[in-house]
PDB file of N, CA and C in Angstrom:
ATOM      1  N   MET A   1      27.473 128.899  70.781  1.00  0.00           N
ATOM      2  CA  MET A   1      28.810 129.084  70.247  1.00  0.00           C
ATOM      3  C   MET A   1      29.396 130.425  70.681  1.00  0.00           C
ATOM      4  N   ARG A   2      28.558 131.444  70.702  1.00  0.00           N
ATOM      5  CA  ARG A   2      29.017 132.780  71.081  1.00  0.00           C
ATOM      6  C   ARG A   2      29.447 132.815  72.556  1.00  0.00           C
ATOM      7  N   LEU A   3      28.761 132.044  73.399  1.00  0.00           N
ATOM      8  CA  LEU A   3      29.104 131.965  74.814  1.00  0.00           C
ATOM      9  C   LEU A   3      30.485 131.331  75.002  1.00  0.00           C
ATOM     10  N   LEU A   4      30.754 130.268  74.258  1.00  0.00           N
ATOM     11  CA  LEU A   4      32.067 129.616  74.334  1.00  0.00           C
ATOM     12  C   LEU A   4      33.180 130.527  73.817  1.00  0.00           C
ATOM     13  N   LEU A   5      32.879 131.282  72.779  1.00  0.00           N
ATOM     14  CA  LEU A   5      33.862 132.225  72.245  1.00  0.00           C
ATOM     15  C   LEU A   5      34.184 133.316  73.269  1.00  0.00           C
ATOM     16  N   GLY A   6      33.157 133.829  73.925  1.00  0.00           N
ATOM     17  CA  GLY A   6      33.374 134.829  74.963  1.00  0.00           C
ATOM     18  C   GLY A   6      34.175 134.281  76.130  1.00  0.00           C
ATOM     19  N   TRP A   7      33.905 133.039  76.505  1.00  0.00           N
ATOM     20  CA  TRP A   7      34.641 132.392  77.592  1.00  0.00           C
ATOM     21  C   TRP A   7      36.115 132.233  77.210  1.00  0.00           C
ATOM     22  N   ALA A   8      36.380 131.807  75.983  1.00  0.00           N
ATOM     23  CA  ALA A   8      37.762 131.642  75.526  1.00  0.00           C
ATOM     24  C   ALA A   8      38.478 132.997  75.444  1.00  0.00           C
ATOM     25  N   ILE A   9      37.766 134.025  74.999  1.00  0.00           N
ATOM     26  CA  ILE A   9      38.358 135.371  74.931  1.00  0.00           C
ATOM     27  C   ILE A   9      38.733 135.848  76.322  1.00  0.00           C
ATOM     28  N   ASN A  10      37.862 135.631  77.292  1.00  0.00           N
ATOM     29  CA  ASN A  10      38.167 136.052  78.658  1.00  0.00           C
ATOM     30  C   ASN A  10      39.334 135.264  79.244  1.00  0.00           C
ATOM     31  N   ALA A  11      39.419 133.973  78.942  1.00  0.00           N
ATOM     32  CA  ALA A  11      40.544 133.177  79.435  1.00  0.00           C
ATOM     33  C   ALA A  11      41.854 133.648  78.797  1.00  0.00           C
ATOM     34  N   LEU A  12      41.837 133.924  77.508  1.00  0.00           N
ATOM     35  CA  LEU A  12      43.038 134.437  76.849  1.00  0.00           C
ATOM     36  C   LEU A  12      43.416 135.825  77.369  1.00  0.00           C
ATOM     37  N   SER A  13      42.401 136.616  77.701  1.00  0.00           N
ATOM     38  CA  SER A  13      42.672 137.934  78.286  1.00  0.00           C
ATOM     39  C   SER A  13      43.352 137.798  79.633  1.00  0.00           C
ATOM     40  N   LEU A  14      42.947 136.816  80.413  1.00  0.00           N
ATOM     41  CA  LEU A  14      43.608 136.578  81.700  1.00  0.00           C
ATOM     42  C   LEU A  14      45.053 136.133  81.506  1.00  0.00           C
ATOM     43  N   MET A  15      45.285 135.308  80.496  1.00  0.00           N
ATOM     44  CA  MET A  15      46.657 134.888  80.222  1.00  0.00           C
ATOM     45  C   MET A  15      47.513 136.080  79.791  1.00  0.00           C
ATOM     46  N   ALA A  16      46.954 136.961  78.966  1.00  0.00           N
ATOM     47  CA  ALA A  16      47.691 138.158  78.549  1.00  0.00           C
ATOM     48  C   ALA A  16      47.933 139.092  79.728  1.00  0.00           C
ATOM     49  N   LEU A  17      47.001 139.106  80.655  1.00  0.00           N
ATOM     50  CA  LEU A  17      47.124 139.976  81.830  1.00  0.00           C
ATOM     51  C   LEU A  17      48.344 139.613  82.665  1.00  0.00           C
ATOM     52  N   THR A  18      48.685 138.328  82.716  1.00  0.00           N
ATOM     53  CA  THR A  18      49.847 137.921  83.516  1.00  0.00           C
ATOM     54  C   THR A  18      51.147 138.460  82.938  1.00  0.00           C
ATOM     55  N   TRP A  19      51.190 138.738  81.649  1.00  0.00           N
ATOM     56  CA  TRP A  19      52.387 139.329  81.052  1.00  0.00           C
ATOM     57  C   TRP A  19      52.446 140.830  81.289  1.00  0.00           C
ATOM     58  N   LEU A  20      51.294 141.464  81.400  1.00  0.00           N
ATOM     59  CA  LEU A  20      51.251 142.916  81.557  1.00  0.00           C
ATOM     60  C   LEU A  20      51.350 143.371  83.013  1.00  0.00           C
ATOM     61  N   VAL A  21      50.783 142.599  83.920  1.00  0.00           N
ATOM     62  CA  VAL A  21      50.780 142.958  85.343  1.00  0.00           C
ATOM     63  C   VAL A  21      51.556 141.876  86.094  1.00  0.00           C
ATOM     64  N   PRO A  22      52.761 142.195  86.560  1.00  0.00           N
ATOM     65  CA  PRO A  22      53.611 141.162  87.166  1.00  0.00           C
ATOM     66  C   PRO A  22      53.093 140.620  88.497  1.00  0.00           C
ATOM     67  N   ALA A  23      52.190 141.307  89.152  1.00  0.00           N
ATOM     68  CA  ALA A  23      51.691 140.870  90.452  1.00  0.00           C
ATOM     69  C   ALA A  23      50.539 139.876  90.340  1.00  0.00           C
ATOM     70  N   ILE A  24      50.162 139.506  89.121  1.00  0.00           N
ATOM     71  CA  ILE A  24      49.081 138.545  88.904  1.00  0.00           C
ATOM     72  C   ILE A  24      49.680 137.328  88.212  1.00  0.00           C
ATOM     73  N   ARG A  25      49.387 136.153  88.780  1.00  0.00           N
ATOM     74  CA  ARG A  25      49.952 134.918  88.241  1.00  0.00           C
ATOM     75  C   ARG A  25      48.846 133.888  88.020  1.00  0.00           C
ATOM     76  N   ILE A  26      48.921 133.200  86.885  1.00  0.00           N
ATOM     77  CA  ILE A  26      48.008 132.109  86.563  1.00  0.00           C
ATOM     78  C   ILE A  26      48.867 130.938  86.125  1.00  0.00           C
ATOM     79  N   SER A  27      48.590 129.759  86.672  1.00  0.00           N
ATOM     80  CA  SER A  27      49.466 128.619  86.425  1.00  0.00           C
ATOM     81  C   SER A  27      49.334 128.022  85.033  1.00  0.00           C
ATOM     82  N   GLY A  28      48.194 128.161  84.373  1.00  0.00           N
ATOM     83  CA  GLY A  28      48.036 127.584  83.042  1.00  0.00           C
ATOM     84  C   GLY A  28      46.717 127.979  82.414  1.00  0.00           C
ATOM     85  N   PHE A  29      46.497 127.493  81.187  1.00  0.00           N
ATOM     86  CA  PHE A  29      45.283 127.872  80.475  1.00  0.00           C
ATOM     87  C   PHE A  29      44.039 127.265  81.113  1.00  0.00           C
ATOM     88  N   GLY A  30      44.151 126.071  81.676  1.00  0.00           N
ATOM     89  CA  GLY A  30      43.012 125.465  82.370  1.00  0.00           C
ATOM     90  C   GLY A  30      42.580 126.301  83.559  1.00  0.00           C
ATOM     91  N   THR A  31      43.542 126.798  84.295  1.00  0.00           N
ATOM     92  CA  THR A  31      43.236 127.680  85.417  1.00  0.00           C
ATOM     93  C   THR A  31      42.613 128.974  84.925  1.00  0.00           C
ATOM     94  N   ALA A  32      43.087 129.470  83.790  1.00  0.00           N
ATOM     95  CA  ALA A  32      42.515 130.689  83.214  1.00  0.00           C
ATOM     96  C   ALA A  32      41.062 130.465  82.806  1.00  0.00           C
ATOM     97  N   LEU A  33      40.749 129.286  82.272  1.00  0.00           N
ATOM     98  CA  LEU A  33      39.358 128.976  81.914  1.00  0.00           C
ATOM     99  C   LEU A  33      38.462 128.968  83.147  1.00  0.00           C
ATOM    100  N   VAL A  34      38.941 128.334  84.218  1.00  0.00           N
ATOM    101  CA  VAL A  34      38.165 128.290  85.461  1.00  0.00           C
ATOM    102  C   VAL A  34      38.017 129.695  86.041  1.00  0.00           C
ATOM    103  N   ALA A  35      39.100 130.462  86.019  1.00  0.00           N
ATOM    104  CA  ALA A  35      39.057 131.826  86.552  1.00  0.00           C
ATOM    105  C   ALA A  35      38.101 132.703  85.750  1.00  0.00           C
ATOM    106  N   ALA A  36      38.097 132.552  84.430  1.00  0.00           N
ATOM    107  CA  ALA A  36      37.182 133.332  83.598  1.00  0.00           C
ATOM    108  C   ALA A  36      35.730 132.960  83.903  1.00  0.00           C
ATOM    109  N   LEU A  37      35.487 131.680  84.136  1.00  0.00           N
ATOM    110  CA  LEU A  37      34.140 131.236  84.487  1.00  0.00           C
ATOM    111  C   LEU A  37      33.703 131.794  85.840  1.00  0.00           C
ATOM    112  N   VAL A  38      34.581 131.720  86.830  1.00  0.00           N
ATOM    113  CA  VAL A  38      34.255 132.240  88.163  1.00  0.00           C
ATOM    114  C   VAL A  38      34.064 133.750  88.121  1.00  0.00           C
ATOM    115  N   LEU A  39      34.931 134.451  87.400  1.00  0.00           N
ATOM    116  CA  LEU A  39      34.774 135.906  87.274  1.00  0.00           C
ATOM    117  C   LEU A  39      33.450 136.262  86.606  1.00  0.00           C
ATOM    118  N   GLY A  40      33.104 135.527  85.586  1.00  0.00           N
ATOM    119  CA  GLY A  40      31.831 135.770  84.907  1.00  0.00           C
ATOM    120  C   GLY A  40      30.642 135.533  85.824  1.00  0.00           C
ATOM    121  N   LEU A  41      30.693 134.457  86.610  1.00  0.00           N
ATOM    122  CA  LEU A  41      29.593 134.176  87.541  1.00  0.00           C
ATOM    123  C   LEU A  41      29.506 135.221  88.644  1.00  0.00           C
ATOM    124  N   LEU A  42      30.652 135.624  89.189  1.00  0.00           N
ATOM    125  CA  LEU A  42      30.641 136.666  90.220  1.00  0.00           C
ATOM    126  C   LEU A  42      30.102 137.980  89.666  1.00  0.00           C
ATOM    127  N   ASN A  43      30.520 138.323  88.459  1.00  0.00           N
ATOM    128  CA  ASN A  43      30.050 139.575  87.854  1.00  0.00           C
ATOM    129  C   ASN A  43      28.569 139.514  87.504  1.00  0.00           C
ATOM    130  N   ALA A  44      28.066 138.335  87.195  1.00  0.00           N
ATOM    131  CA  ALA A  44      26.653 138.210  86.839  1.00  0.00           C
ATOM    132  C   ALA A  44      25.748 138.130  88.063  1.00  0.00           C
ATOM    133  N   LEU A  45      26.230 137.515  89.141  1.00  0.00           N
ATOM    134  CA  LEU A  45      25.372 137.278  90.297  1.00  0.00           C
ATOM    135  C   LEU A  45      25.574 138.261  91.444  1.00  0.00           C
ATOM    136  N   ILE A  46      26.821 138.547  91.777  1.00  0.00           N
ATOM    137  CA  ILE A  46      27.098 139.350  92.977  1.00  0.00           C
ATOM    138  C   ILE A  46      27.279 140.829  92.662  1.00  0.00           C
ATOM    139  N   ARG A  47      27.872 141.147  91.519  1.00  0.00           N
ATOM    140  CA  ARG A  47      28.150 142.547  91.180  1.00  0.00           C
ATOM    141  C   ARG A  47      26.905 143.435  91.175  1.00  0.00           C
ATOM    142  N   PRO A  48      25.773 143.000  90.592  1.00  0.00           N
ATOM    143  CA  PRO A  48      24.590 143.875  90.631  1.00  0.00           C
ATOM    144  C   PRO A  48      24.101 144.164  92.050  1.00  0.00           C
ATOM    145  N   ILE A  49      24.203 143.181  92.918  1.00  0.00           N
ATOM    146  CA  ILE A  49      23.792 143.385  94.316  1.00  0.00           C
ATOM    147  C   ILE A  49      24.721 144.382  94.998  1.00  0.00           C
ATOM    148  N   LEU A  50      26.028 144.227  94.776  1.00  0.00           N
ATOM    149  CA  LEU A  50      26.987 145.159  95.366  1.00  0.00           C
ATOM    150  C   LEU A  50      26.805 146.575  94.835  1.00  0.00           C
ATOM    151  N   LEU A  51      26.532 146.688  93.535  1.00  0.00           N
ATOM    152  CA  LEU A  51      26.309 148.020  92.969  1.00  0.00           C
ATOM    153  C   LEU A  51      25.068 148.673  93.568  1.00  0.00           C
ATOM    154  N   LEU A  52      24.043 147.898  93.808  1.00  0.00           N
ATOM    155  CA  LEU A  52      22.825 148.439  94.415  1.00  0.00           C
ATOM    156  C   LEU A  52      23.063 148.854  95.869  1.00  0.00           C
ATOM    157  N   LEU A  53      23.788 148.019  96.611  1.00  0.00           N
ATOM    158  CA  LEU A  53      24.064 148.332  98.014  1.00  0.00           C
ATOM    159  C   LEU A  53      24.983 149.535  98.187  1.00  0.00           C
ATOM    160  N   THR A  54      25.862 149.740  97.237  1.00  0.00           N
ATOM    161  CA  THR A  54      26.821 150.851  97.342  1.00  0.00           C
ATOM    162  C   THR A  54      26.417 152.036  96.479  1.00  0.00           C
ATOM    163  N   LEU A  55      25.175 152.109  96.102  1.00  0.00           N
ATOM    164  CA  LEU A  55      24.714 153.193  95.237  1.00  0.00           C
ATOM    165  C   LEU A  55      24.994 154.593  95.812  1.00  0.00           C
ATOM    166  N   PRO A  56      24.760 154.823  97.107  1.00  0.00           N
ATOM    167  CA  PRO A  56      25.074 156.174  97.624  1.00  0.00           C
ATOM    168  C   PRO A  56      26.562 156.533  97.503  1.00  0.00           C
ATOM    169  N   ILE A  57      27.435 155.569  97.797  1.00  0.00           N
ATOM    170  CA  ILE A  57      28.871 155.829  97.670  1.00  0.00           C
ATOM    171  C   ILE A  57      29.238 156.036  96.203  1.00  0.00           C
ATOM    172  N   ASN A  58      28.626 155.239  95.332  1.00  0.00           N
ATOM    173  CA  ASN A  58      28.886 155.369  93.902  1.00  0.00           C
ATOM    174  C   ASN A  58      28.451 156.733  93.382  1.00  0.00           C
ATOM    175  N   LEU A  59      27.339 157.220  93.867  1.00  0.00           N
ATOM    176  CA  LEU A  59      26.876 158.543  93.444  1.00  0.00           C
ATOM    177  C   LEU A  59      27.809 159.640  93.942  1.00  0.00           C
ATOM    178  N   LEU A  60      28.275 159.510  95.185  1.00  0.00           N
ATOM    179  CA  LEU A  60      29.186 160.515  95.733  1.00  0.00           C
ATOM    180  C   LEU A  60      30.537 160.542  95.014  1.00  0.00           C
ATOM    181  N   THR A  61      30.977 159.381  94.564  1.00  0.00           N
ATOM    182  CA  THR A  61      32.280 159.318  93.890  1.00  0.00           C
ATOM    183  C   THR A  61      32.136 159.370  92.373  1.00  0.00           C
ATOM    184  N   LEU A  62      30.942 159.669  91.899  1.00  0.00           N
ATOM    185  CA  LEU A  62      30.665 159.764  90.468  1.00  0.00           C
ATOM    186  C   LEU A  62      30.997 158.469  89.719  1.00  0.00           C
ATOM    187  N   GLY A  63      30.722 157.346  90.354  1.00  0.00           N
ATOM    188  CA  GLY A  63      30.901 156.044  89.734  1.00  0.00           C
ATOM    189  C   GLY A  63      32.278 155.431  89.897  1.00  0.00           C
ATOM    190  N   LEU A  64      33.209 156.143  90.516  1.00  0.00           N
ATOM    191  CA  LEU A  64      34.560 155.616  90.663  1.00  0.00           C
ATOM    192  C   LEU A  64      34.649 154.464  91.653  1.00  0.00           C
ATOM    193  N   PHE A  65      33.669 154.356  92.547  1.00  0.00           N
ATOM    194  CA  PHE A  65      33.672 153.237  93.498  1.00  0.00           C
ATOM    195  C   PHE A  65      33.458 151.910  92.785  1.00  0.00           C
ATOM    196  N   THR A  66      32.978 151.951  91.561  1.00  0.00           N
ATOM    197  CA  THR A  66      32.805 150.730  90.773  1.00  0.00           C
ATOM    198  C   THR A  66      34.143 150.040  90.547  1.00  0.00           C
ATOM    199  N   PHE A  67      35.231 150.821  90.438  1.00  0.00           N
ATOM    200  CA  PHE A  67      36.558 150.224  90.309  1.00  0.00           C
ATOM    201  C   PHE A  67      36.906 149.394  91.547  1.00  0.00           C
ATOM    202  N   VAL A  68      36.503 149.864  92.717  1.00  0.00           N
ATOM    203  CA  VAL A  68      36.753 149.127  93.954  1.00  0.00           C
ATOM    204  C   VAL A  68      35.956 147.824  93.955  1.00  0.00           C
ATOM    205  N   ILE A  69      34.711 147.873  93.504  1.00  0.00           N
ATOM    206  CA  ILE A  69      33.886 146.665  93.447  1.00  0.00           C
ATOM    207  C   ILE A  69      34.486 145.670  92.460  1.00  0.00           C
ATOM    208  N   ASN A  70      34.894 146.136  91.288  1.00  0.00           N
ATOM    209  CA  ASN A  70      35.511 145.248  90.302  1.00  0.00           C
ATOM    210  C   ASN A  70      36.793 144.619  90.850  1.00  0.00           C
ATOM    211  N   GLY A  71      37.600 145.418  91.527  1.00  0.00           N
ATOM    212  CA  GLY A  71      38.823 144.898  92.137  1.00  0.00           C
ATOM    213  C   GLY A  71      38.531 143.883  93.225  1.00  0.00           C
ATOM    214  N   ALA A  72      37.494 144.135  94.009  1.00  0.00           N
ATOM    215  CA  ALA A  72      37.128 143.201  95.076  1.00  0.00           C
ATOM    216  C   ALA A  72      36.677 141.862  94.507  1.00  0.00           C
ATOM    217  N   LEU A  73      35.896 141.889  93.449  1.00  0.00           N
ATOM    218  CA  LEU A  73      35.450 140.640  92.834  1.00  0.00           C
ATOM    219  C   LEU A  73      36.612 139.905  92.172  1.00  0.00           C
ATOM    220  N   PHE A  74      37.532 140.639  91.576  1.00  0.00           N
ATOM    221  CA  PHE A  74      38.722 140.038  90.971  1.00  0.00           C
ATOM    222  C   PHE A  74      39.578 139.391  92.059  1.00  0.00           C
ATOM    223  N   TRP A  75      39.773 140.094  93.156  1.00  0.00           N
ATOM    224  CA  TRP A  75      40.573 139.576  94.261  1.00  0.00           C
ATOM    225  C   TRP A  75      39.894 138.364  94.902  1.00  0.00           C
ATOM    226  N   LEU A  76      38.569 138.426  95.045  1.00  0.00           N
ATOM    227  CA  LEU A  76      37.816 137.319  95.623  1.00  0.00           C
ATOM    228  C   LEU A  76      37.931 136.063  94.764  1.00  0.00           C
ATOM    229  N   SER A  77      37.855 136.225  93.460  1.00  0.00           N
ATOM    230  CA  SER A  77      37.981 135.060  92.581  1.00  0.00           C
ATOM    231  C   SER A  77      39.385 134.462  92.677  1.00  0.00           C
ATOM    232  N   ALA A  78      40.389 135.302  92.834  1.00  0.00           N
ATOM    233  CA  ALA A  78      41.759 134.795  92.978  1.00  0.00           C
ATOM    234  C   ALA A  78      41.930 134.044  94.293  1.00  0.00           C
ATOM    235  N   ARG A  79      41.184 134.421  95.313  1.00  0.00           N
ATOM    236  CA  ARG A  79      41.266 133.723  96.599  1.00  0.00           C
ATOM    237  C   ARG A  79      40.634 132.339  96.535  1.00  0.00           C
ATOM    238  N   PHE A  80      39.654 132.154  95.661  1.00  0.00           N
ATOM    239  CA  PHE A  80      38.955 130.875  95.534  1.00  0.00           C
ATOM    240  C   PHE A  80      39.691 129.861  94.668  1.00  0.00           C
ATOM    241  N   ILE A  81      40.434 130.320  93.680  1.00  0.00           N
ATOM    242  CA  ILE A  81      40.982 129.434  92.661  1.00  0.00           C
ATOM    243  C   ILE A  81      42.458 129.195  92.915  1.00  0.00           C
ATOM    244  N   GLU A  82      42.815 127.925  93.042  1.00  0.00           N
ATOM    245  CA  GLU A  82      44.218 127.583  93.216  1.00  0.00           C
ATOM    246  C   GLU A  82      44.923 127.696  91.863  1.00  0.00           C
ATOM    247  N   GLY A  83      46.075 128.329  91.855  1.00  0.00           N
ATOM    248  CA  GLY A  83      46.796 128.560  90.613  1.00  0.00           C
ATOM    249  C   GLY A  83      46.559 129.949  90.047  1.00  0.00           C
ATOM    250  N   PHE A  84      45.692 130.720  90.690  1.00  0.00           N
ATOM    251  CA  PHE A  84      45.403 132.102  90.292  1.00  0.00           C
ATOM    252  C   PHE A  84      45.694 132.967  91.510  1.00  0.00           C
ATOM    253  N   ALA A  85      46.712 133.816  91.416  1.00  0.00           N
ATOM    254  CA  ALA A  85      47.148 134.589  92.572  1.00  0.00           C
ATOM    255  C   ALA A  85      47.291 136.066  92.222  1.00  0.00           C
ATOM    256  N   VAL A  86      46.881 136.898  93.166  1.00  0.00           N
ATOM    257  CA  VAL A  86      47.045 138.348  93.068  1.00  0.00           C
ATOM    258  C   VAL A  86      47.747 138.785  94.348  1.00  0.00           C
ATOM    259  N   ASP A  87      48.801 139.598  94.219  1.00  0.00           N
ATOM    260  CA  ASP A  87      49.613 139.966  95.377  1.00  0.00           C
ATOM    261  C   ASP A  87      48.877 140.808  96.412  1.00  0.00           C
ATOM    262  N   SER A  88      48.055 141.763  95.980  1.00  0.00           N
ATOM    263  CA  SER A  88      47.366 142.626  96.931  1.00  0.00           C
ATOM    264  C   SER A  88      46.070 143.153  96.324  1.00  0.00           C
ATOM    265  N   PHE A  89      45.287 143.819  97.153  1.00  0.00           N
ATOM    266  CA  PHE A  89      44.019 144.355  96.682  1.00  0.00           C
ATOM    267  C   PHE A  89      44.240 145.471  95.657  1.00  0.00           C
ATOM    268  N   GLY A  90      45.275 146.263  95.837  1.00  0.00           N
ATOM    269  CA  GLY A  90      45.595 147.319  94.870  1.00  0.00           C
ATOM    270  C   GLY A  90      45.903 146.740  93.492  1.00  0.00           C
ATOM    271  N   TRP A  91      46.684 145.659  93.493  1.00  0.00           N
ATOM    272  CA  TRP A  91      46.974 144.995  92.218  1.00  0.00           C
ATOM    273  C   TRP A  91      45.722 144.354  91.634  1.00  0.00           C
ATOM    274  N   ALA A  92      44.806 143.928  92.488  1.00  0.00           N
ATOM    275  CA  ALA A  92      43.545 143.370  91.990  1.00  0.00           C
ATOM    276  C   ALA A  92      42.741 144.443  91.272  1.00  0.00           C
ATOM    277  N   MET A  93      42.744 145.663  91.797  1.00  0.00           N
ATOM    278  CA  MET A  93      42.040 146.758  91.124  1.00  0.00           C
ATOM    279  C   MET A  93      42.685 147.072  89.777  1.00  0.00           C
ATOM    280  N   VAL A  94      44.010 147.110  89.744  1.00  0.00           N
ATOM    281  CA  VAL A  94      44.726 147.342  88.483  1.00  0.00           C
ATOM    282  C   VAL A  94      44.449 146.195  87.517  1.00  0.00           C
ATOM    283  N   GLY A  95      44.517 144.976  88.017  1.00  0.00           N
ATOM    284  CA  GLY A  95      44.275 143.802  87.181  1.00  0.00           C
ATOM    285  C   GLY A  95      42.868 143.774  86.609  1.00  0.00           C
ATOM    286  N   ALA A  96      41.880 144.132  87.415  1.00  0.00           N
ATOM    287  CA  ALA A  96      40.496 144.157  86.935  1.00  0.00           C
ATOM    288  C   ALA A  96      40.316 145.186  85.828  1.00  0.00           C
ATOM    289  N   ALA A  97      40.940 146.340  85.981  1.00  0.00           N
ATOM    290  CA  ALA A  97      40.824 147.379  84.954  1.00  0.00           C
ATOM    291  C   ALA A  97      41.515 146.959  83.656  1.00  0.00           C
ATOM    292  N   VAL A  98      42.724 146.430  83.765  1.00  0.00           N
ATOM    293  CA  VAL A  98      43.463 146.011  82.578  1.00  0.00           C
ATOM    294  C   VAL A  98      42.777 144.809  81.927  1.00  0.00           C
ATOM    295  N   TYR A  99      42.272 143.888  82.744  1.00  0.00           N
ATOM    296  CA  TYR A  99      41.557 142.709  82.226  1.00  0.00           C
ATOM    297  C   TYR A  99      40.327 143.120  81.430  1.00  0.00           C
ATOM    298  N   SER A 100      39.584 144.070  81.932  1.00  0.00           N
ATOM    299  CA  SER A 100      38.385 144.499  81.209  1.00  0.00           C
ATOM    300  C   SER A 100      38.753 145.196  79.897  1.00  0.00           C
ATOM    301  N   LEU A 101      39.835 145.961  79.894  1.00  0.00           N
ATOM    302  CA  LEU A 101      40.281 146.610  78.651  1.00  0.00           C
ATOM    303  C   LEU A 101      40.756 145.597  77.613  1.00  0.00           C
ATOM    304  N   ILE A 102      41.537 144.619  78.045  1.00  0.00           N
ATOM    305  CA  ILE A 102      42.017 143.592  77.121  1.00  0.00           C
ATOM    306  C   ILE A 102      40.845 142.792  76.570  1.00  0.00           C
ATOM    307  N   SER A 103      39.958 142.372  77.452  1.00  0.00           N
ATOM    308  CA  SER A 103      38.807 141.573  77.035  1.00  0.00           C
ATOM    309  C   SER A 103      37.921 142.347  76.067  1.00  0.00           C
ATOM    310  N   TRP A 104      37.703 143.617  76.342  1.00  0.00           N
ATOM    311  CA  TRP A 104      36.892 144.461  75.460  1.00  0.00           C
ATOM    312  C   TRP A 104      37.543 144.582  74.081  1.00  0.00           C
ATOM    313  N   ALA A 105      38.858 144.841  74.054  1.00  0.00           N
ATOM    314  CA  ALA A 105      39.555 145.030  72.778  1.00  0.00           C
ATOM    315  C   ALA A 105      39.563 143.748  71.953  1.00  0.00           C
ATOM    316  N   VAL A 106      39.844 142.616  72.592  1.00  0.00           N
ATOM    317  CA  VAL A 106      39.868 141.354  71.857  1.00  0.00           C
ATOM    318  C   VAL A 106      38.481 140.983  71.374  1.00  0.00           C
ATOM    319  N   SER A 107      37.466 141.191  72.197  1.00  0.00           N
ATOM    320  CA  SER A 107      36.090 140.909  71.785  1.00  0.00           C
ATOM    321  C   SER A 107      35.708 141.766  70.588  1.00  0.00           C
ATOM    322  N   LEU A 108      36.127 143.010  70.606  1.00  0.00           N
ATOM    323  CA  LEU A 108      35.826 143.917  69.494  1.00  0.00           C
ATOM    324  C   LEU A 108      36.471 143.440  68.202  1.00  0.00           C
ATOM    325  N   LEU A 109      37.710 142.972  68.295  1.00  0.00           N
ATOM    326  CA  LEU A 109      38.411 142.496  67.104  1.00  0.00           C
ATOM    327  C   LEU A 109      37.852 141.175  66.586  1.00  0.00           C
ATOM    328  N   VAL A 110      37.503 140.262  67.495  1.00  0.00           N
ATOM    329  CA  VAL A 110      37.072 138.936  67.088  1.00  0.00           C
ATOM    330  C   VAL A 110      35.631 138.937  66.584  1.00  0.00           C
ATOM    331  N   THR A 111      34.766 139.649  67.244  1.00  0.00           N
ATOM    332  CA  THR A 111      33.342 139.616  66.873  1.00  0.00           C
ATOM    333  C   THR A 111      32.970 140.685  65.851  1.00  0.00           C
ATOM    334  N   ARG A 112      33.926 141.421  65.388  1.00  0.00           N
ATOM    335  CA  ARG A 112      33.682 142.462  64.393  1.00  0.00           C
ATOM    336  C   ARG A 112      33.306 141.834  63.051  1.00  0.00           C
ATOM    337  N   ARG A 113      32.241 142.300  62.489  1.00  0.00           N
ATOM    338  CA  ARG A 113      31.773 141.771  61.203  1.00  0.00           C
ATOM    339  C   ARG A 113      32.132 142.744  60.082  1.00  0.00           C
ATOM    340  N   PRO A 114      32.632 142.216  58.957  1.00  0.00           N
ATOM    341  CA  PRO A 114      33.031 143.098  57.841  1.00  0.00           C
ATOM    342  C   PRO A 114      31.848 143.707  57.132  1.00  0.00           C
TER     343      PRO A 114
END
């Protein structure tokens, strides 16, 4: 149940992202669900490998290169999914950062126990 809740939170975060960042477009909630699933799989499978391969660059930039990796994975997922579009790589980096903030905030509010 918690996995489905997290998936729905991420899909809703993507829908909210389209209102905040005009260069990112999603055609509907079904597309947002697919995009959230693909983003989750990319972040679970490919991101750790990329972080390991770029460790020297990450150390030199004090971890700021992680924003580039997050943007690249966000942009890559938009290239795979029809109905999910990002105008440029720069907007993908902005979108990835805003998406993670929205998702974190909503998760904090929803899963918070009294």
